[in-house]
Amino acid sequence: MRYTILVVNLGGTSTKVALYENTERSVHETISHPTQEIVRPLNEQIDFRLEAIRDFLTRSGIDPRAIDMVSARGGLLKPIKGGTYDINDKMVDDLKANRYGKHASNLSGVIADRFREEYGCRAVITDPVVVDELAEEVRLTGLRDIERKSVFHALNQKAVARKYAASIGKRYSEVNVIVSHMGGGITVGAHENGRVVDVNDGLSGEGPMSPTRTGSLPNGSLARFIIENNLDYDSIYEILTKEGGFISLAGTQDALELEKRATSGDETTQKIFRALAAQIAKEIGSRSAMLKGRVDQIIFTGGLAHSEYLIDLVRPYISFIAPVSVFPGEEEMQALAEGAYRVLAGREEMKTYM
């Protein structure tokens, strides 16, 4: 069977859209939106973003009624297991109300649902950032009122884990891998037979530092910093997630520029990269403990995985754990198409958001 899948992935300033025949991409586009449009409240952006997608289909010579399924990037929802989910009324209500957080990706599911209503196709999301498969023992902290949360690059982490498994003739559910997604945020997940049993909360900046995030900090020093600078929640959250890491230490989040400085002999930048490598390695070591040392492969992915310089700094710390694979960049659109296709082809059962 040949299926036509429309993939939509909405970000803060753009709408990514692509058409796939099964899992082969035929046409794609990143649609940039004018500033006066994207500063509007999220729910006021639905109509013009949907119209932009219709225009894309018209320019591509595609009849919307020929589309079998719309696959949308998952937004901020309540914690759910990994997999592909039917977009139902409950999901749309949560996304439109920003009930679990506000992000432009929330619009992806809402627009996919509108498309379903207008053209009669099915609509799904796959592996949103809120996928929560944590082992119970990693949730508890030493403070009764705080539990660890699972918010990470679930879509890309699971996609590259599946890709690795397929490369050795196995299913995702048959391998144990550690995946380090390294981008604007860094998340390191322990994948045990298809379930992410431990991962750092990349949204709040937990784990290694990154180009924009501070990473985990000493509790006492952080508390003192907040008090001495008279910071409210929004202010400290901004610092932890948008003004930390490379920005705080080097004045820029441009990893390529910083790598050029480091490889040209700049000692300050080299020190930053060595610290980042050590933090990533320690996170990987922690995940290997959760897998009791039974690790088939360590996988690097995300934008920073293009940096051989960084990966070569990490390797000496982790080479005793397992072999390393590198899948640089991220293929969210491909992963969304594959999630839809697995359901259409009957290879995976579609889940229901409750």
Protein backbone atom coordinates (compact mmCIF):
# COMPACT_ATOMS: atom_id res chain seq x y z
CA MET A 1 0.00 0.00 0.00
CA ARG A 2 1.10 3.56 -0.75
CA TYR A 3 0.12 6.18 1.81
CA THR A 4 0.37 9.95 1.48
CA ILE A 5 1.42 11.57 4.76
CA LEU A 6 1.47 15.30 5.48
CA VAL A 7 3.91 16.26 8.24
CA VAL A 8 3.57 19.59 10.08
CA ASN A 9 6.00 20.95 12.64
CA LEU A 10 5.32 24.42 14.01
CA GLY A 11 8.00 26.51 15.69
CA GLY A 12 8.07 30.00 17.13
CA THR A 13 8.80 31.76 13.85
CA SER A 14 8.15 29.18 11.13
CA THR A 15 6.01 26.30 9.94
CA LYS A 16 7.82 23.24 8.58
CA VAL A 17 5.71 21.15 6.24
CA ALA A 18 6.50 18.10 4.11
CA LEU A 19 4.79 15.38 2.09
CA TYR A 20 5.82 11.74 2.24
CA GLU A 21 4.87 8.70 0.23
CA ASN A 22 5.12 6.10 2.99
CA THR A 23 8.47 7.17 4.46
CA GLU A 24 9.97 8.77 1.32
CA ARG A 25 9.85 12.56 1.28
CA SER A 26 8.60 14.06 -1.98
CA VAL A 27 8.44 17.78 -1.23
CA HIS A 28 9.07 20.02 1.76
CA GLU A 29 9.27 23.66 2.79
CA THR A 30 10.02 25.83 5.79
CA ILE A 31 7.55 28.72 5.79
CA SER A 32 8.76 31.81 7.64
CA HIS A 33 6.10 34.08 9.12
CA PRO A 34 6.15 37.89 9.46
CA THR A 35 6.97 39.24 12.92
CA GLN A 36 3.57 40.93 13.24
CA GLU A 37 1.92 37.54 12.84
CA ILE A 38 4.02 35.45 15.23
CA VAL A 39 3.79 37.93 18.12
CA ARG A 40 0.04 37.31 18.26
CA PRO A 41 -1.33 34.89 20.94
CA LEU A 42 -0.89 31.27 19.86
CA ASN A 43 -4.57 30.53 19.25
CA GLU A 44 -4.82 33.60 17.00
CA GLN A 45 -2.15 32.10 14.75
CA ILE A 46 -4.16 29.03 13.78
CA ASP A 47 -5.91 30.44 10.70
CA PHE A 48 -2.91 32.06 8.98
CA ARG A 49 -0.67 29.04 9.67
CA LEU A 50 -3.32 26.69 8.29
CA GLU A 51 -3.70 28.88 5.21
CA ALA A 52 0.08 28.76 4.68
CA ILE A 53 -0.10 24.95 4.66
CA ARG A 54 -2.97 25.02 2.15
CA ASP A 55 -0.90 27.33 -0.08
CA PHE A 56 2.02 24.90 0.14
CA LEU A 57 -0.21 22.04 -1.01
CA THR A 58 -1.63 24.11 -3.88
CA ARG A 59 1.86 25.12 -5.08
CA SER A 60 2.90 21.46 -4.84
CA GLY A 61 -0.08 20.30 -6.91
CA ILE A 62 -1.48 18.18 -4.08
CA ASP A 63 -5.20 17.63 -3.47
CA PRO A 64 -5.67 17.75 0.35
CA ARG A 65 -8.30 15.02 0.04
CA ALA A 66 -5.62 12.64 -1.24
CA ILE A 67 -3.79 12.78 2.10
CA ASP A 68 -4.22 9.70 4.26
CA MET A 69 -2.82 11.06 7.52
CA VAL A 70 -1.48 14.28 9.02
CA SER A 71 1.42 13.70 11.41
CA ALA A 72 2.07 16.62 13.74
CA ARG A 73 4.81 17.46 16.19
CA GLY A 74 3.50 16.84 19.70
CA GLY A 75 3.22 19.83 22.00
CA LEU A 76 3.25 20.22 25.78
CA LEU A 77 0.74 17.68 27.07
CA LYS A 78 0.42 15.66 30.24
CA PRO A 79 3.06 12.92 30.66
CA ILE A 80 2.37 9.98 28.33
CA LYS A 81 4.11 6.82 27.15
CA GLY A 82 6.00 6.86 23.88
CA GLY A 83 4.23 6.03 20.65
CA THR A 84 1.83 7.46 18.07
CA TYR A 85 -1.40 8.99 19.36
CA ASP A 86 -4.69 9.83 17.69
CA ILE A 87 -5.42 13.55 17.98
CA ASN A 88 -8.71 13.62 19.87
CA ASP A 89 -10.85 16.31 21.50
CA LYS A 90 -9.14 15.91 24.88
CA MET A 91 -5.71 16.49 23.33
CA VAL A 92 -6.87 19.51 21.34
CA ASP A 93 -8.49 21.04 24.44
CA ASP A 94 -5.26 20.65 26.43
CA LEU A 95 -3.16 22.12 23.61
CA LYS A 96 -5.43 25.11 22.99
CA ALA A 97 -5.64 25.87 26.72
CA ASN A 98 -1.84 25.56 27.09
CA ARG A 99 -2.77 23.44 30.10
CA TYR A 100 0.69 21.91 30.51
CA GLY A 101 2.78 24.78 29.15
CA LYS A 102 2.86 27.28 26.32
CA HIS A 103 4.88 26.59 23.18
CA ALA A 104 4.34 27.11 19.45
CA SER A 105 4.48 23.33 18.97
CA ASN A 106 1.08 23.16 20.70
CA LEU A 107 -0.39 24.56 17.47
CA SER A 108 0.82 21.57 15.43
CA GLY A 109 -1.77 19.20 16.88
CA VAL A 110 -4.53 21.81 16.77
CA ILE A 111 -3.90 22.56 13.09
CA ALA A 112 -3.64 18.85 12.24
CA ASP A 113 -7.05 18.38 13.86
CA ARG A 114 -8.53 21.24 11.81
CA PHE A 115 -7.07 19.65 8.69
CA ARG A 116 -8.66 16.31 9.66
CA GLU A 117 -12.06 17.96 10.10
CA GLU A 118 -11.90 19.75 6.75
CA TYR A 119 -10.51 16.97 4.56
CA GLY A 120 -11.49 13.73 6.27
CA CYS A 121 -8.04 12.25 6.87
CA ARG A 122 -6.63 10.90 10.14
CA ALA A 123 -4.38 12.98 12.40
CA VAL A 124 -1.70 11.88 14.87
CA ILE A 125 1.29 12.96 16.94
CA THR A 126 4.35 10.83 17.73
CA ASP A 127 6.70 10.87 20.75
CA PRO A 128 6.17 14.42 22.10
CA VAL A 129 8.69 15.97 24.50
CA VAL A 130 6.55 14.90 27.48
CA VAL A 131 7.06 11.17 26.92
CA ASP A 132 7.42 9.72 30.42
CA GLU A 133 8.62 6.14 30.84
CA LEU A 134 10.84 6.75 33.87
CA ALA A 135 11.61 3.95 36.29
CA GLU A 136 9.96 4.71 39.63
CA GLU A 137 13.26 4.76 41.51
CA VAL A 138 14.56 7.79 39.58
CA ARG A 139 11.53 9.99 40.25
CA LEU A 140 12.04 10.48 43.98
CA THR A 141 14.30 13.30 45.17
CA GLY A 142 15.47 14.26 48.64
CA LEU A 143 12.72 16.89 48.90
CA ARG A 144 9.21 15.58 49.37
CA ASP A 145 7.58 18.31 47.28
CA ILE A 146 9.79 17.82 44.20
CA GLU A 147 9.87 14.87 41.81
CA ARG A 148 12.07 14.49 38.75
CA LYS A 149 10.25 14.97 35.45
CA SER A 150 10.73 13.50 31.99
CA VAL A 151 10.93 16.28 29.39
CA PHE A 152 13.40 15.57 26.59
CA HIS A 153 14.02 15.21 22.86
CA ALA A 154 11.87 12.08 22.76
CA LEU A 155 11.06 12.19 19.04
CA ASN A 156 14.65 12.32 17.83
CA GLN A 157 16.08 10.11 20.59
CA LYS A 158 13.66 7.30 19.83
CA ALA A 159 14.09 7.76 16.07
CA VAL A 160 17.88 7.31 16.16
CA ALA A 161 17.57 4.42 18.61
CA ARG A 162 15.23 2.70 16.13
CA LYS A 163 17.66 3.48 13.31
CA TYR A 164 20.54 1.90 15.23
CA ALA A 165 18.47 -1.17 16.09
CA ALA A 166 17.47 -1.63 12.45
CA SER A 167 21.13 -1.36 11.39
CA ILE A 168 21.95 -4.49 13.39
CA GLY A 169 18.78 -6.35 12.37
CA LYS A 170 16.91 -5.85 15.64
CA ARG A 171 13.82 -4.03 16.87
CA TYR A 172 13.99 -1.02 19.16
CA SER A 173 12.45 -3.14 21.89
CA GLU A 174 15.41 -5.56 21.68
CA VAL A 175 18.28 -3.18 22.42
CA ASN A 176 19.69 -1.18 25.32
CA VAL A 177 21.17 2.14 24.19
CA ILE A 178 22.18 5.47 25.66
CA VAL A 179 21.23 8.41 23.44
CA SER A 180 22.77 11.85 23.92
CA HIS A 181 20.85 14.53 22.03
CA MET A 182 23.07 17.60 21.91
CA GLY A 183 21.55 20.84 20.68
CA GLY A 184 20.36 24.08 22.28
CA GLY A 185 19.53 21.77 25.17
CA ILE A 186 21.20 18.45 25.94
CA THR A 187 19.31 15.35 27.07
CA VAL A 188 20.81 11.92 27.73
CA GLY A 189 18.42 8.98 27.85
CA ALA A 190 18.77 5.36 28.94
CA HIS A 191 16.67 3.30 26.51
CA GLU A 192 15.98 -0.14 27.93
CA ASN A 193 14.16 -2.44 25.51
CA GLY A 194 12.16 0.42 23.99
CA ARG A 195 11.52 2.35 27.18
CA VAL A 196 13.38 5.49 28.33
CA VAL A 197 13.86 4.55 31.98
CA ASP A 198 16.02 7.56 32.87
CA VAL A 199 16.65 10.95 31.27
CA ASN A 200 17.39 14.48 32.41
CA ASP A 201 14.76 17.23 32.13
CA GLY A 202 16.18 19.23 29.24
CA LEU A 203 13.41 21.85 29.27
CA SER A 204 14.37 23.16 32.71
CA GLY A 205 18.10 22.87 32.07
CA GLU A 206 18.84 19.80 34.22
CA GLY A 207 21.90 17.75 33.26
CA PRO A 208 24.89 19.01 31.23
CA MET A 209 25.22 22.66 30.32
CA SER A 210 24.52 23.52 26.68
CA PRO A 211 24.74 26.53 24.36
CA THR A 212 21.87 28.25 26.22
CA ARG A 213 21.27 26.28 29.44
CA THR A 214 23.24 26.28 32.69
CA GLY A 215 22.85 22.58 33.37
CA SER A 216 22.52 21.28 36.93
CA LEU A 217 24.03 23.63 39.52
CA PRO A 218 25.13 23.26 43.19
CA ASN A 219 21.96 23.72 45.24
CA GLY A 220 23.38 26.01 47.91
CA SER A 221 25.14 28.28 45.44
CA LEU A 222 22.02 28.52 43.31
CA ALA A 223 19.86 29.41 46.31
CA ARG A 224 22.30 32.13 47.35
CA PHE A 225 22.46 33.48 43.78
CA ILE A 226 18.66 33.79 43.67
CA ILE A 227 18.46 35.57 47.01
CA GLU A 228 21.41 37.93 46.44
CA ASN A 229 20.02 38.98 43.05
CA ASN A 230 16.41 39.22 44.27
CA LEU A 231 15.14 37.02 41.42
CA ASP A 232 11.56 35.83 40.94
CA TYR A 233 10.69 32.52 39.26
CA ASP A 234 10.44 33.88 35.72
CA SER A 235 13.78 35.67 36.03
CA ILE A 236 15.76 32.69 37.31
CA TYR A 237 14.08 30.36 34.81
CA GLU A 238 15.16 32.70 32.00
CA ILE A 239 18.75 32.57 33.27
CA LEU A 240 18.77 28.79 33.68
CA THR A 241 17.31 28.02 30.24
CA LYS A 242 18.17 30.92 27.93
CA GLU A 243 21.16 32.79 29.38
CA GLY A 244 23.36 29.95 30.62
CA GLY A 245 25.99 27.65 29.15
CA PHE A 246 27.95 29.07 26.23
CA ILE A 247 26.10 32.40 26.48
CA SER A 248 27.09 32.91 30.11
CA LEU A 249 30.65 31.60 29.74
CA ALA A 250 31.59 32.90 26.29
CA GLY A 251 29.01 35.51 25.33
CA THR A 252 27.58 33.56 22.39
CA GLN A 253 25.59 30.40 21.72
CA ASP A 254 27.31 29.89 18.35
CA ALA A 255 28.92 26.49 18.89
CA LEU A 256 30.64 26.54 15.50
CA GLU A 257 32.34 29.85 16.28
CA LEU A 258 33.43 28.61 19.70
CA GLU A 259 34.82 25.40 18.21
CA LYS A 260 36.87 27.48 15.78
CA ARG A 261 38.26 29.45 18.72
CA ALA A 262 39.09 26.29 20.62
CA THR A 263 40.81 24.54 17.73
CA SER A 264 42.78 27.74 17.06
CA GLY A 265 44.28 27.48 20.53
CA ASP A 266 42.06 29.71 22.66
CA GLU A 267 42.54 28.28 26.17
CA THR A 268 39.35 29.74 27.66
CA THR A 269 37.17 28.14 24.99
CA GLN A 270 39.07 24.86 25.24
CA LYS A 271 38.33 24.84 28.97
CA ILE A 272 34.61 25.28 28.26
CA PHE A 273 34.58 22.37 25.80
CA ARG A 274 36.48 20.13 28.22
CA ALA A 275 33.95 20.93 30.94
CA LEU A 276 31.03 20.25 28.61
CA ALA A 277 32.57 16.94 27.51
CA ALA A 278 33.06 15.85 31.13
CA GLN A 279 29.46 16.75 32.01
CA ILE A 280 28.07 14.81 29.03
CA ALA A 281 30.28 11.85 29.89
CA LYS A 282 29.15 11.83 33.53
CA GLU A 283 25.52 11.88 32.39
CA ILE A 284 26.21 8.92 30.09
CA GLY A 285 27.92 7.08 32.94
CA SER A 286 24.89 7.66 35.14
CA ARG A 287 22.61 6.19 32.48
CA SER A 288 24.86 3.15 32.10
CA ALA A 289 24.39 2.49 35.81
CA MET A 290 20.61 2.54 35.33
CA LEU A 291 21.06 -0.08 32.61
CA LYS A 292 23.27 -2.10 34.99
CA GLY A 293 26.12 -1.89 32.48
CA ARG A 294 24.19 -3.75 29.78
CA VAL A 295 24.64 -1.16 27.01
CA ASP A 296 24.67 -2.16 23.35
CA GLN A 297 25.56 1.27 21.97
CA ILE A 298 26.07 4.92 22.90
CA ILE A 299 24.50 7.23 20.31
CA PHE A 300 25.24 10.91 19.74
CA THR A 301 22.69 13.02 17.86
CA GLY A 302 21.51 16.63 17.54
CA GLY A 303 23.26 19.66 16.10
CA LEU A 304 26.34 19.45 18.31
CA ALA A 305 26.93 15.87 17.14
CA HIS A 306 28.39 17.46 13.99
CA SER A 307 31.34 18.50 16.19
CA GLU A 308 34.00 15.80 15.98
CA TYR A 309 36.06 17.97 18.33
CA LEU A 310 33.44 17.66 21.10
CA ILE A 311 32.78 13.95 20.55
CA ASP A 312 36.51 13.19 20.58
CA LEU A 313 36.71 14.93 23.97
CA VAL A 314 33.89 12.76 25.33
CA ARG A 315 35.08 9.41 23.93
CA PRO A 316 37.95 8.71 26.41
CA TYR A 317 35.52 8.94 29.32
CA ILE A 318 32.96 6.50 27.92
CA SER A 319 34.79 4.09 25.61
CA PHE A 320 34.84 1.41 28.31
CA ILE A 321 31.03 1.38 28.46
CA ALA A 322 30.00 0.55 24.87
CA PRO A 323 30.75 1.32 21.20
CA VAL A 324 29.72 4.72 19.85
CA SER A 325 27.53 5.70 16.89
CA VAL A 326 26.95 9.24 15.63
CA PHE A 327 23.75 10.39 13.90
CA PRO A 328 24.34 14.16 13.62
CA GLY A 329 21.49 16.63 13.35
CA GLU A 330 17.89 15.78 13.98
CA GLU A 331 15.28 14.38 11.63
CA GLU A 332 12.02 15.34 13.31
CA MET A 333 10.06 15.45 10.06
CA GLN A 334 11.28 12.00 9.02
CA ALA A 335 10.53 10.63 12.48
CA LEU A 336 6.98 12.02 12.37
CA ALA A 337 6.42 10.45 8.95
CA GLU A 338 7.73 7.11 10.19
CA GLY A 339 5.48 7.22 13.26
CA ALA A 340 2.44 7.76 11.06
CA TYR A 341 3.51 5.06 8.62
CA ARG A 342 3.98 2.45 11.35
CA VAL A 343 0.32 2.94 12.29
CA LEU A 344 -0.99 3.06 8.71
CA ALA A 345 0.95 -0.11 7.84
CA GLY A 346 -0.32 -1.93 10.91
CA ARG A 347 3.14 -2.24 12.45
CA GLU A 348 2.21 -0.29 15.58
CA GLU A 349 -1.06 0.16 17.44
CA MET A 350 -2.25 3.75 17.70
CA LYS A 351 -2.61 4.98 21.27
CA THR A 352 -5.38 7.11 22.79
CA TYR A 353 -4.73 10.29 24.77
CA MET A 354 -6.82 10.13 27.94
